[in-house]
Protein backbone atom coordinates (compact mmCIF):
# COMPACT_ATOMS: atom_id res chain seq x y z
CA UNK A 1 -5.56 -3.43 -29.03
CA UNK A 2 -4.89 -0.32 -29.94
CA UNK A 3 -2.53 2.15 -28.16
CA UNK A 4 -3.42 5.30 -26.59
CA UNK A 5 -1.00 8.23 -26.76
CA UNK A 6 -0.40 7.73 -22.83
CA UNK A 7 0.52 3.82 -23.74
CA UNK A 8 3.05 4.92 -26.64
CA UNK A 9 4.30 7.65 -24.31
CA UNK A 10 5.05 5.21 -21.62
CA UNK A 11 6.73 2.69 -23.64
CA UNK A 12 9.01 5.41 -24.95
CA UNK A 13 9.37 6.11 -21.14
CA UNK A 14 10.33 2.92 -20.44
CA UNK A 15 13.29 2.90 -22.50
CA UNK A 16 15.34 4.78 -20.07
CA UNK A 17 16.80 2.58 -17.70
CA UNK A 18 16.44 5.35 -14.97
CA UNK A 19 13.10 6.38 -15.52
CA UNK A 20 12.47 1.98 -15.55
CA UNK A 21 13.99 1.47 -12.84
CA UNK A 22 12.53 4.12 -10.53
CA UNK A 23 8.92 3.34 -12.18
CA UNK A 24 9.46 -0.46 -10.89
CA UNK A 25 10.58 0.73 -7.31
CA UNK A 26 7.76 2.82 -7.31
CA UNK A 27 5.05 0.42 -8.46
CA UNK A 28 6.55 -2.64 -5.86
CA UNK A 29 5.60 0.15 -2.76
CA UNK A 30 2.26 0.79 -4.11
CA UNK A 31 1.91 -2.78 -4.61
CA UNK A 32 2.89 -4.00 -0.90
CA UNK A 33 0.57 -1.15 0.36
CA UNK A 34 -2.22 -2.63 -1.71
CA UNK A 35 -1.57 -6.12 -0.11
CA UNK A 36 -0.87 -5.13 3.35
CA UNK A 37 -5.06 -3.33 2.93
CA UNK A 38 -6.10 -6.22 1.37
CA UNK A 39 -4.64 -8.43 4.15
CA UNK A 40 -5.99 -6.24 6.85
CA UNK A 41 -9.71 -6.33 4.46
CA UNK A 42 -9.51 -10.05 4.89
CA UNK A 43 -8.59 -10.17 8.16
CA UNK A 44 -11.16 -7.99 9.28
CA UNK A 45 -14.13 -10.03 7.34
CA UNK A 46 -12.61 -13.17 8.61
CA UNK A 47 -13.24 -11.70 12.10
CA UNK A 48 -16.21 -10.69 11.80
CA UNK A 49 -15.25 -7.03 12.79
CA UNK A 50 -17.33 -4.02 11.32
CA UNK A 51 -15.58 -0.75 9.85
CA UNK A 52 -16.93 1.07 12.58
CA UNK A 53 -15.79 -2.01 15.26
CA UNK A 54 -12.43 -1.52 14.00
CA UNK A 55 -12.36 2.32 13.93
CA UNK A 56 -13.74 2.65 17.87
CA UNK A 57 -10.91 -0.08 19.05
CA UNK A 58 -8.13 1.70 16.94
CA UNK A 59 -9.55 5.03 18.65
CA UNK A 60 -9.94 6.70 15.14
CA UNK A 61 -13.00 7.60 13.21
CA UNK A 62 -15.12 5.71 11.11
CA UNK A 63 -14.37 7.55 8.25
CA UNK A 64 -10.51 7.06 8.51
CA UNK A 65 -11.09 3.35 8.97
CA UNK A 66 -13.59 3.12 5.97
CA UNK A 67 -11.25 5.03 3.33
CA UNK A 68 -8.05 2.45 4.47
CA UNK A 69 -10.27 -0.17 3.23
CA UNK A 70 -12.43 1.24 0.64
CA UNK A 71 -9.74 3.89 -1.26
CA UNK A 72 -8.52 2.78 -4.95
CA UNK A 73 -4.91 3.55 -3.98
CA UNK A 74 -5.06 4.27 -0.38
CA UNK A 75 -1.96 5.77 1.58
CA UNK A 76 -1.89 5.16 5.06
CA UNK A 77 0.11 6.42 7.82
CA UNK A 78 2.14 3.58 9.46
CA UNK A 79 0.87 4.52 12.86
CA UNK A 80 -2.67 3.82 11.24
CA UNK A 81 -2.08 0.65 9.76
CA UNK A 82 0.05 -0.50 13.00
CA UNK A 83 -3.55 0.48 15.40
CA UNK A 84 -6.02 -1.28 12.60
CA UNK A 85 -3.61 -4.44 12.98
CA UNK A 86 -3.46 -4.32 16.53
CA UNK A 87 -7.23 -3.79 17.34
CA UNK A 88 -7.44 -7.19 15.05
CA UNK A 89 -4.49 -9.05 17.22
CA UNK A 90 -2.35 -8.64 14.48
CA UNK A 91 1.55 -7.50 14.10
CA UNK A 92 2.94 -5.36 11.45
CA UNK A 93 6.25 -7.41 10.73
CA UNK A 94 9.32 -7.05 8.20
CA UNK A 95 10.31 -9.90 5.75
CA UNK A 96 12.42 -10.20 3.50
CA UNK A 97 11.42 -9.16 -0.51
CA UNK A 98 10.79 -11.51 -3.19
CA UNK A 99 11.70 -9.52 -5.81
CA UNK A 100 15.12 -9.08 -4.35
CA UNK A 101 16.08 -5.80 -5.90
CA UNK A 102 18.34 -3.11 -3.79
CA UNK A 103 16.64 -0.96 -1.59
CA UNK A 104 16.71 3.00 -3.09
CA UNK A 105 18.57 5.48 -1.99
CA UNK A 106 17.50 7.47 1.00
CA UNK A 107 16.56 11.12 -0.21
CA UNK A 108 19.23 13.94 1.30
CA UNK A 109 17.08 16.09 4.34
CA UNK A 110 16.43 19.85 3.19
């Protein structure tokens, strides 16, 4: 397959170790959120709950829940995720990362 201009640009940028490390870290975060949303959606379906029912139980609007489960790249708040999980009898827990990569440095407050 022929590479696009973006593909060539991206390949060039990935040769920069700093850029590559930041890209990998950002991609891992995005993938984690996507995986969590897929797990919540699977739990919703398995429990036979509609999105409207989840919204009602979570005390939010159906639009919020619909976007949470249908957006290509959701970026939910922790409050929303925890609330939705609780409506299905689930809890959010921290587990060791399988990537084994060091955590990103915290940004200094402005």
